[in-house]
Amino acid sequence: IVTFFYMYALIELLAIFLDSGIIPTASTVYPWFTAVYCGLV
């Protein structure tokens, strides 16, 4: 169960960069970060 909470923490950490616009949607790395985010979810 602690593995589940670790993975949830990684999701929220990555969401900070995607949802807040720190990584712009027009950036070339945005699709890769989004793919990692979807994989973690």
All heavy atoms as atom14 arrays in JSON, in Angstrom:
{
  "sequence": "IVTFFYMYALIELLAIFLDSGIIPTASTVYPWFTAVYCGLV",
  "atom14_mask": [
    [1, 1, 1, 1, 1, 1, 1, 1, 0, 0, 0, 0, 0, 0],
    [1, 1, 1, 1, 1, 1, 1, 0, 0, 0, 0, 0, 0, 0],
    [1, 1, 1, 1, 1, 1, 1, 0, 0, 0, 0, 0, 0, 0],
    [1, 1, 1, 1, 1, 1, 1, 1, 1, 1, 1, 0, 0, 0],
    [1, 1, 1, 1, 1, 1, 1, 1, 1, 1, 1, 0, 0, 0],
    [1, 1, 1, 1, 1, 1, 1, 1, 1, 1, 1, 1, 0, 0],
    [1, 1, 1, 1, 1, 1, 1, 1, 0, 0, 0, 0, 0, 0],
    [1, 1, 1, 1, 1, 1, 1, 1, 1, 1, 1, 1, 0, 0],
    [1, 1, 1, 1, 1, 0, 0, 0, 0, 0, 0, 0, 0, 0],
    [1, 1, 1, 1, 1, 1, 1, 1, 0, 0, 0, 0, 0, 0],
    [1, 1, 1, 1, 1, 1, 1, 1, 0, 0, 0, 0, 0, 0],
    [1, 1, 1, 1, 1, 1, 1, 1, 1, 0, 0, 0, 0, 0],
    [1, 1, 1, 1, 1, 1, 1, 1, 0, 0, 0, 0, 0, 0],
    [1, 1, 1, 1, 1, 1, 1, 1, 0, 0, 0, 0, 0, 0],
    [1, 1, 1, 1, 1, 0, 0, 0, 0, 0, 0, 0, 0, 0],
    [1, 1, 1, 1, 1, 1, 1, 1, 0, 0, 0, 0, 0, 0],
    [1, 1, 1, 1, 1, 1, 1, 1, 1, 1, 1, 0, 0, 0],
    [1, 1, 1, 1, 1, 1, 1, 1, 0, 0, 0, 0, 0, 0],
    [1, 1, 1, 1, 1, 1, 1, 1, 0, 0, 0, 0, 0, 0],
    [1, 1, 1, 1, 1, 1, 0, 0, 0, 0, 0, 0, 0, 0],
    [1, 1, 1, 1, 0, 0, 0, 0, 0, 0, 0, 0, 0, 0],
    [1, 1, 1, 1, 1, 1, 1, 1, 0, 0, 0, 0, 0, 0],
    [1, 1, 1, 1, 1, 1, 1, 1, 0, 0, 0, 0, 0, 0],
    [1, 1, 1, 1, 1, 1, 1, 0, 0, 0, 0, 0, 0, 0],
    [1, 1, 1, 1, 1, 1, 1, 0, 0, 0, 0, 0, 0, 0],
    [1, 1, 1, 1, 1, 0, 0, 0, 0, 0, 0, 0, 0, 0],
    [1, 1, 1, 1, 1, 1, 0, 0, 0, 0, 0, 0, 0, 0],
    [1, 1, 1, 1, 1, 1, 1, 0, 0, 0, 0, 0, 0, 0],
    [1, 1, 1, 1, 1, 1, 1, 0, 0, 0, 0, 0, 0, 0],
    [1, 1, 1, 1, 1, 1, 1, 1, 1, 1, 1, 1, 0, 0],
    [1, 1, 1, 1, 1, 1, 1, 0, 0, 0, 0, 0, 0, 0],
    [1, 1, 1, 1, 1, 1, 1, 1, 1, 1, 1, 1, 1, 1],
    [1, 1, 1, 1, 1, 1, 1, 1, 1, 1, 1, 0, 0, 0],
    [1, 1, 1, 1, 1, 1, 1, 0, 0, 0, 0, 0, 0, 0],
    [1, 1, 1, 1, 1, 0, 0, 0, 0, 0, 0, 0, 0, 0],
    [1, 1, 1, 1, 1, 1, 1, 0, 0, 0, 0, 0, 0, 0],
    [1, 1, 1, 1, 1, 1, 1, 1, 1, 1, 1, 1, 0, 0],
    [1, 1, 1, 1, 1, 1, 0, 0, 0, 0, 0, 0, 0, 0],
    [1, 1, 1, 1, 0, 0, 0, 0, 0, 0, 0, 0, 0, 0],
    [1, 1, 1, 1, 1, 1, 1, 1, 0, 0, 0, 0, 0, 0],
    [1, 1, 1, 1, 1, 1, 1, 0, 0, 0, 0, 0, 0, 0]
  ],
  "atom14_positions": [
    [[0.83, -1.21, 0.0], [0.0, 0.0, 0.0], [0.86, 1.26, 0.0], [0.46, 2.29, -0.55], [-0.96, 0.0, 1.21], [-2.09, 1.01, 1.0], [-0.23, 0.29, 2.5], [-3.01, 0.68, -0.12], [0.0, 0.0, 0.0], [0.0, 0.0, 0.0], [0.0, 0.0, 0.0], [0.0, 0.0, 0.0], [0.0, 0.0, 0.0], [0.0, 0.0, 0.0]],
    [[2.06, 1.19, 0.59], [2.91, 2.38, 0.59], [3.43, 2.66, -0.82], [3.71, 3.82, -1.16], [4.07, 2.21, 1.59], [5.19, 1.36, 1.03], [4.62, 3.57, 2.02], [0.0, 0.0, 0.0], [0.0, 0.0, 0.0], [0.0, 0.0, 0.0], [0.0, 0.0, 0.0], [0.0, 0.0, 0.0], [0.0, 0.0, 0.0], [0.0, 0.0, 0.0]],
    [[3.54, 1.63, -1.66], [3.9, 1.84, -3.05], [2.84, 2.67, -3.77], [3.15, 3.55, -4.58], [4.07, 0.49, -3.77], [5.05, -0.29, -3.08], [4.51, 0.69, -5.21], [0.0, 0.0, 0.0], [0.0, 0.0, 0.0], [0.0, 0.0, 0.0], [0.0, 0.0, 0.0], [0.0, 0.0, 0.0], [0.0, 0.0, 0.0], [0.0, 0.0, 0.0]],
    [[1.58, 2.41, -3.45], [0.48, 3.19, -4.03], [0.6, 4.66, -3.67], [0.43, 5.54, -4.53], [-0.85, 2.61, -3.55], [-2.03, 3.49, -3.84], [-2.56, 3.55, -5.12], [-2.62, 4.26, -2.84], [-3.66, 4.36, -5.4], [-3.71, 5.07, -3.11], [-4.23, 5.12, -4.39], [0.0, 0.0, 0.0], [0.0, 0.0, 0.0], [0.0, 0.0, 0.0]],
    [[0.91, 4.96, -2.41], [1.03, 6.36, -1.99], [2.25, 7.03, -2.6], [2.22, 8.23, -2.91], [1.06, 6.44, -0.47], [-0.25, 6.06, 0.17], [-0.35, 4.93, 0.95], [-1.38, 6.84, 0.01], [-1.54, 4.56, 1.53], [-2.58, 6.5, 0.59], [-2.66, 5.36, 1.35], [0.0, 0.0, 0.0], [0.0, 0.0, 0.0], [0.0, 0.0, 0.0]],
    [[3.33, 6.3, -2.77], [4.51, 6.86, -3.44], [4.17, 7.24, -4.88], [4.57, 8.33, -5.36], [5.66, 5.86, -3.44], [6.45, 5.83, -2.15], [6.79, 4.62, -1.53], [6.88, 7.01, -1.55], [7.51, 4.59, -0.35], [7.61, 6.99, -0.37], [7.92, 5.78, 0.22], [8.64, 5.75, 1.39], [0.0, 0.0, 0.0], [0.0, 0.0, 0.0]],
    [[3.46, 6.39, -5.57], [3.1, 6.68, -6.96], [2.12, 7.84, -7.04], [2.21, 8.66, -7.96], [2.51, 5.42, -7.6], [3.49, 4.26, -7.68], [2.8, 2.77, -8.4], [2.64, 3.28, -10.1], [0.0, 0.0, 0.0], [0.0, 0.0, 0.0], [0.0, 0.0, 0.0], [0.0, 0.0, 0.0], [0.0, 0.0, 0.0], [0.0, 0.0, 0.0]],
    [[1.2, 7.93, -6.1], [0.28, 9.07, -6.08], [1.05, 10.38, -5.86], [0.74, 11.4, -6.47], [-0.76, 8.88, -4.99], [-1.63, 10.08, -4.77], [-2.64, 10.42, -5.67], [-1.45, 10.91, -3.65], [-3.43, 11.54, -5.47], [-2.24, 12.03, -3.45], [-3.23, 12.33, -4.36], [-4.01, 13.45, -4.16], [0.0, 0.0, 0.0], [0.0, 0.0, 0.0]],
    [[2.06, 10.34, -5.0], [2.87, 11.54, -4.77], [3.61, 11.96, -6.04], [3.72, 13.16, -6.34], [3.87, 11.28, -3.63], [0.0, 0.0, 0.0], [0.0, 0.0, 0.0], [0.0, 0.0, 0.0], [0.0, 0.0, 0.0], [0.0, 0.0, 0.0], [0.0, 0.0, 0.0], [0.0, 0.0, 0.0], [0.0, 0.0, 0.0], [0.0, 0.0, 0.0]],
    [[4.11, 10.99, -6.81], [4.78, 11.32, -8.07], [3.81, 11.95, -9.07], [4.17, 12.89, -9.8], [5.41, 10.06, -8.67], [6.65, 9.5, -7.96], [7.1, 8.21, -8.62], [7.78, 10.53, -7.97], [0.0, 0.0, 0.0], [0.0, 0.0, 0.0], [0.0, 0.0, 0.0], [0.0, 0.0, 0.0], [0.0, 0.0, 0.0], [0.0, 0.0, 0.0]],
    [[2.58, 11.45, -9.1], [1.58, 12.02, -10.0], [1.32, 13.49, -9.67], [1.3, 14.36, -10.56], [0.27, 11.21, -9.91], [0.45, 9.84, -10.54], [-0.88, 11.96, -10.6], [-0.75, 8.94, -10.39], [0.0, 0.0, 0.0], [0.0, 0.0, 0.0], [0.0, 0.0, 0.0], [0.0, 0.0, 0.0], [0.0, 0.0, 0.0], [0.0, 0.0, 0.0]],
    [[1.13, 13.78, -8.4], [0.84, 15.15, -8.01], [2.04, 16.07, -8.23], [1.88, 17.24, -8.56], [0.41, 15.19, -6.54], [-0.91, 14.47, -6.27], [-2.03, 15.0, -7.13], [-2.17, 16.24, -7.24], [-2.76, 14.18, -7.72], [0.0, 0.0, 0.0], [0.0, 0.0, 0.0], [0.0, 0.0, 0.0], [0.0, 0.0, 0.0], [0.0, 0.0, 0.0]],
    [[3.23, 15.53, -8.05], [4.43, 16.33, -8.3], [4.54, 16.68, -9.78], [4.84, 17.83, -10.15], [5.67, 15.57, -7.84], [7.02, 16.27, -8.04], [7.07, 17.57, -7.24], [8.17, 15.35, -7.66], [0.0, 0.0, 0.0], [0.0, 0.0, 0.0], [0.0, 0.0, 0.0], [0.0, 0.0, 0.0], [0.0, 0.0, 0.0], [0.0, 0.0, 0.0]],
    [[4.29, 15.71, -10.63], [4.35, 15.97, -12.06], [3.21, 16.87, -12.53], [3.38, 17.68, -13.46], [4.34, 14.65, -12.83], [4.6, 14.7, -14.33], [5.95, 15.35, -14.62], [4.55, 13.3, -14.92], [0.0, 0.0, 0.0], [0.0, 0.0, 0.0], [0.0, 0.0, 0.0], [0.0, 0.0, 0.0], [0.0, 0.0, 0.0], [0.0, 0.0, 0.0]],
    [[2.06, 16.75, -11.89], [0.91, 17.58, -12.26], [1.18, 19.06, -12.0], [0.6, 19.93, -12.67], [-0.33, 17.14, -11.5], [0.0, 0.0, 0.0], [0.0, 0.0, 0.0], [0.0, 0.0, 0.0], [0.0, 0.0, 0.0], [0.0, 0.0, 0.0], [0.0, 0.0, 0.0], [0.0, 0.0, 0.0], [0.0, 0.0, 0.0], [0.0, 0.0, 0.0]],
    [[2.04, 19.37, -11.04], [2.39, 20.76, -10.78], [2.99, 21.41, -12.01], [2.67, 22.55, -12.37], [3.35, 20.86, -9.57], [2.64, 20.39, -8.29], [3.87, 22.28, -9.42], [3.56, 20.35, -7.09], [0.0, 0.0, 0.0], [0.0, 0.0, 0.0], [0.0, 0.0, 0.0], [0.0, 0.0, 0.0], [0.0, 0.0, 0.0], [0.0, 0.0, 0.0]],
    [[3.85, 20.68, -12.72], [4.52, 21.22, -13.9], [3.58, 21.27, -15.11], [3.72, 22.16, -15.96], [5.75, 20.39, -14.23], [6.8, 20.42, -13.17], [6.84, 19.45, -12.18], [7.76, 21.42, -13.16], [7.82, 19.47, -11.2], [8.74, 21.46, -12.19], [8.76, 20.48, -11.19], [0.0, 0.0, 0.0], [0.0, 0.0, 0.0], [0.0, 0.0, 0.0]],
    [[2.64, 20.35, -15.19], [1.76, 20.3, -16.36], [0.55, 21.22, -16.21], [0.19, 21.94, -17.13], [1.29, 18.86, -16.59], [2.38, 17.86, -16.98], [1.8, 16.45, -17.07], [3.03, 18.25, -18.3], [0.0, 0.0, 0.0], [0.0, 0.0, 0.0], [0.0, 0.0, 0.0], [0.0, 0.0, 0.0], [0.0, 0.0, 0.0], [0.0, 0.0, 0.0]],
    [[-0.08, 21.19, -15.04], [-1.32, 21.94, -14.85], [-1.09, 23.44, -14.65], [-1.95, 24.25, -14.98], [-2.11, 21.39, -13.67], [-2.51, 19.94, -13.88], [-2.56, 19.51, -15.05], [-2.77, 19.22, -12.88], [0.0, 0.0, 0.0], [0.0, 0.0, 0.0], [0.0, 0.0, 0.0], [0.0, 0.0, 0.0], [0.0, 0.0, 0.0], [0.0, 0.0, 0.0]],
    [[0.05, 23.79, -14.09], [0.31, 25.2, -13.79], [0.9, 25.96, -14.96], [1.06, 27.18, -14.89], [1.25, 25.31, -12.58], [2.5, 24.72, -12.88], [0.0, 0.0, 0.0], [0.0, 0.0, 0.0], [0.0, 0.0, 0.0], [0.0, 0.0, 0.0], [0.0, 0.0, 0.0], [0.0, 0.0, 0.0], [0.0, 0.0, 0.0], [0.0, 0.0, 0.0]],
    [[1.28, 25.26, -16.02], [1.86, 25.94, -17.17], [3.35, 26.15, -17.07], [3.92, 26.9, -17.88], [0.0, 0.0, 0.0], [0.0, 0.0, 0.0], [0.0, 0.0, 0.0], [0.0, 0.0, 0.0], [0.0, 0.0, 0.0], [0.0, 0.0, 0.0], [0.0, 0.0, 0.0], [0.0, 0.0, 0.0], [0.0, 0.0, 0.0], [0.0, 0.0, 0.0]],
    [[3.99, 25.55, -16.07], [5.46, 25.65, -15.99], [6.08, 25.07, -17.25], [7.06, 25.62, -17.78], [5.97, 24.95, -14.73], [5.44, 25.64, -13.47], [7.49, 24.89, -14.72], [5.85, 24.98, -12.18], [0.0, 0.0, 0.0], [0.0, 0.0, 0.0], [0.0, 0.0, 0.0], [0.0, 0.0, 0.0], [0.0, 0.0, 0.0], [0.0, 0.0, 0.0]],
    [[5.53, 23.97, -17.73], [5.92, 23.43, -19.03], [4.84, 23.84, -20.03], [3.71, 23.33, -19.97], [6.04, 21.89, -18.98], [7.07, 21.47, -17.92], [6.44, 21.34, -20.35], [7.2, 19.98, -17.77], [0.0, 0.0, 0.0], [0.0, 0.0, 0.0], [0.0, 0.0, 0.0], [0.0, 0.0, 0.0], [0.0, 0.0, 0.0], [0.0, 0.0, 0.0]],
    [[5.09, 24.76, -20.92], [4.05, 25.23, -21.86], [3.56, 24.11, -22.76], [4.31, 23.19, -23.11], [4.77, 26.33, -22.65], [5.96, 26.7, -21.82], [6.37, 25.46, -21.1], [0.0, 0.0, 0.0], [0.0, 0.0, 0.0], [0.0, 0.0, 0.0], [0.0, 0.0, 0.0], [0.0, 0.0, 0.0], [0.0, 0.0, 0.0], [0.0, 0.0, 0.0]],
    [[2.3, 24.22, -23.14], [1.73, 23.19, -24.02], [2.38, 23.22, -25.41], [2.33, 22.21, -26.12], [0.22, 23.41, -24.16], [-0.03, 24.75, -24.61], [-0.47, 23.21, -22.82], [0.0, 0.0, 0.0], [0.0, 0.0, 0.0], [0.0, 0.0, 0.0], [0.0, 0.0, 0.0], [0.0, 0.0, 0.0], [0.0, 0.0, 0.0], [0.0, 0.0, 0.0]],
    [[2.96, 24.34, -25.79], [3.61, 24.43, -27.09], [5.03, 23.89, -27.08], [5.67, 23.78, -28.14], [3.63, 25.88, -27.56], [0.0, 0.0, 0.0], [0.0, 0.0, 0.0], [0.0, 0.0, 0.0], [0.0, 0.0, 0.0], [0.0, 0.0, 0.0], [0.0, 0.0, 0.0], [0.0, 0.0, 0.0], [0.0, 0.0, 0.0], [0.0, 0.0, 0.0]],
    [[5.52, 23.53, -25.92], [6.88, 23.04, -25.82], [6.99, 21.64, -26.45], [6.04, 20.84, -26.42], [7.32, 22.99, -24.36], [8.59, 22.39, -24.23], [0.0, 0.0, 0.0], [0.0, 0.0, 0.0], [0.0, 0.0, 0.0], [0.0, 0.0, 0.0], [0.0, 0.0, 0.0], [0.0, 0.0, 0.0], [0.0, 0.0, 0.0], [0.0, 0.0, 0.0]],
    [[8.16, 21.34, -26.98], [8.37, 20.03, -27.61], [8.44, 18.89, -26.6], [8.23, 17.73, -26.95], [9.67, 20.05, -28.42], [10.76, 20.43, -27.57], [9.56, 21.04, -29.57], [0.0, 0.0, 0.0], [0.0, 0.0, 0.0], [0.0, 0.0, 0.0], [0.0, 0.0, 0.0], [0.0, 0.0, 0.0], [0.0, 0.0, 0.0], [0.0, 0.0, 0.0]],
    [[8.73, 19.22, -25.33], [8.82, 18.18, -24.31], [7.47, 17.95, -23.62], [7.34, 17.0, -22.84], [9.88, 18.54, -23.26], [11.25, 18.66, -23.9], [9.52, 19.83, -22.51], [0.0, 0.0, 0.0], [0.0, 0.0, 0.0], [0.0, 0.0, 0.0], [0.0, 0.0, 0.0], [0.0, 0.0, 0.0], [0.0, 0.0, 0.0], [0.0, 0.0, 0.0]],
    [[6.5, 18.8, -23.9], [5.21, 18.66, -23.23], [4.54, 17.31, -23.51], [4.03, 16.67, -22.58], [4.29, 19.81, -23.63], [2.96, 19.81, -22.89], [2.85, 20.41, -21.64], [1.84, 19.22, -23.45], [1.64, 20.41, -20.96], [0.63, 19.21, -22.78], [0.53, 19.8, -21.53], [-0.67, 19.79, -20.86], [0.0, 0.0, 0.0], [0.0, 0.0, 0.0]],
    [[4.52, 16.83, -24.76], [3.91, 15.51, -24.99], [4.59, 14.38, -24.23], [3.93, 13.44, -23.77], [4.06, 15.31, -26.51], [4.16, 16.69, -27.06], [4.91, 17.47, -26.03], [0.0, 0.0, 0.0], [0.0, 0.0, 0.0], [0.0, 0.0, 0.0], [0.0, 0.0, 0.0], [0.0, 0.0, 0.0], [0.0, 0.0, 0.0], [0.0, 0.0, 0.0]],
    [[5.89, 14.48, -24.05], [6.61, 13.42, -23.34], [6.28, 13.45, -21.84], [6.09, 12.4, -21.23], [8.11, 13.56, -23.56], [8.5, 13.34, -24.98], [8.68, 14.28, -25.95], [8.74, 12.08, -25.6], [9.02, 13.7, -27.14], [9.07, 12.34, -26.96], [8.73, 10.77, -25.15], [9.37, 11.32, -27.86], [9.03, 9.75, -26.05], [9.34, 10.02, -27.38]],
    [[6.24, 14.63, -21.27], [5.85, 14.72, -19.86], [4.4, 14.26, -19.67], [4.07, 13.62, -18.67], [6.03, 16.15, -19.36], [7.42, 16.48, -18.92], [8.34, 17.01, -19.81], [7.81, 16.26, -17.62], [9.63, 17.3, -19.4], [9.1, 16.55, -17.19], [10.02, 17.07, -18.09], [0.0, 0.0, 0.0], [0.0, 0.0, 0.0], [0.0, 0.0, 0.0]],
    [[3.55, 14.6, -20.64], [2.16, 14.17, -20.54], [2.05, 12.66, -20.65], [1.23, 12.02, -19.95], [1.32, 14.83, -21.66], [1.48, 16.25, -21.57], [-0.14, 14.47, -21.52], [0.0, 0.0, 0.0], [0.0, 0.0, 0.0], [0.0, 0.0, 0.0], [0.0, 0.0, 0.0], [0.0, 0.0, 0.0], [0.0, 0.0, 0.0], [0.0, 0.0, 0.0]],
    [[2.86, 12.06, -21.51], [2.86, 10.6, -21.63], [3.32, 9.94, -20.34], [2.75, 8.92, -19.91], [3.75, 10.17, -22.8], [0.0, 0.0, 0.0], [0.0, 0.0, 0.0], [0.0, 0.0, 0.0], [0.0, 0.0, 0.0], [0.0, 0.0, 0.0], [0.0, 0.0, 0.0], [0.0, 0.0, 0.0], [0.0, 0.0, 0.0], [0.0, 0.0, 0.0]],
    [[4.33, 10.5, -19.71], [4.79, 9.97, -18.43], [3.69, 10.11, -17.37], [3.45, 9.2, -16.57], [6.07, 10.69, -17.97], [6.45, 10.27, -16.56], [7.21, 10.37, -18.93], [0.0, 0.0, 0.0], [0.0, 0.0, 0.0], [0.0, 0.0, 0.0], [0.0, 0.0, 0.0], [0.0, 0.0, 0.0], [0.0, 0.0, 0.0], [0.0, 0.0, 0.0]],
    [[3.0, 11.25, -17.39], [1.91, 11.48, -16.45], [0.79, 10.46, -16.65], [0.29, 9.86, -15.68], [1.37, 12.89, -16.62], [0.17, 13.21, -15.76], [0.34, 13.59, -14.43], [-1.12, 13.13, -16.28], [-0.76, 13.88, -13.64], [-2.22, 13.42, -15.5], [-2.04, 13.79, -14.18], [-3.13, 14.07, -13.4], [0.0, 0.0, 0.0], [0.0, 0.0, 0.0]],
    [[0.4, 10.24, -17.89], [-0.65, 9.24, -18.17], [-0.21, 7.84, -17.75], [-1.01, 7.05, -17.21], [-1.0, 9.26, -19.66], [-1.78, 10.79, -20.22], [0.0, 0.0, 0.0], [0.0, 0.0, 0.0], [0.0, 0.0, 0.0], [0.0, 0.0, 0.0], [0.0, 0.0, 0.0], [0.0, 0.0, 0.0], [0.0, 0.0, 0.0], [0.0, 0.0, 0.0]],
    [[1.06, 7.52, -18.0], [1.58, 6.22, -17.58], [1.55, 6.04, -16.08], [1.2, 4.96, -15.58], [0.0, 0.0, 0.0], [0.0, 0.0, 0.0], [0.0, 0.0, 0.0], [0.0, 0.0, 0.0], [0.0, 0.0, 0.0], [0.0, 0.0, 0.0], [0.0, 0.0, 0.0], [0.0, 0.0, 0.0], [0.0, 0.0, 0.0], [0.0, 0.0, 0.0]],
    [[1.91, 7.08, -15.34], [1.87, 7.01, -13.88], [0.44, 6.85, -13.37], [0.2, 6.1, -12.41], [2.52, 8.26, -13.28], [4.05, 8.31, -13.29], [4.53, 9.66, -12.78], [4.62, 7.19, -12.43], [0.0, 0.0, 0.0], [0.0, 0.0, 0.0], [0.0, 0.0, 0.0], [0.0, 0.0, 0.0], [0.0, 0.0, 0.0], [0.0, 0.0, 0.0]],
    [[-0.49, 7.55, -13.98], [-1.89, 7.44, -13.56], [-2.39, 6.02, -13.75], [-2.99, 5.41, -12.85], [-2.76, 8.44, -14.33], [-4.24, 8.17, -14.07], [-2.42, 9.87, -13.93], [0.0, 0.0, 0.0], [0.0, 0.0, 0.0], [0.0, 0.0, 0.0], [0.0, 0.0, 0.0], [0.0, 0.0, 0.0], [0.0, 0.0, 0.0], [0.0, 0.0, 0.0]]
  ]
}
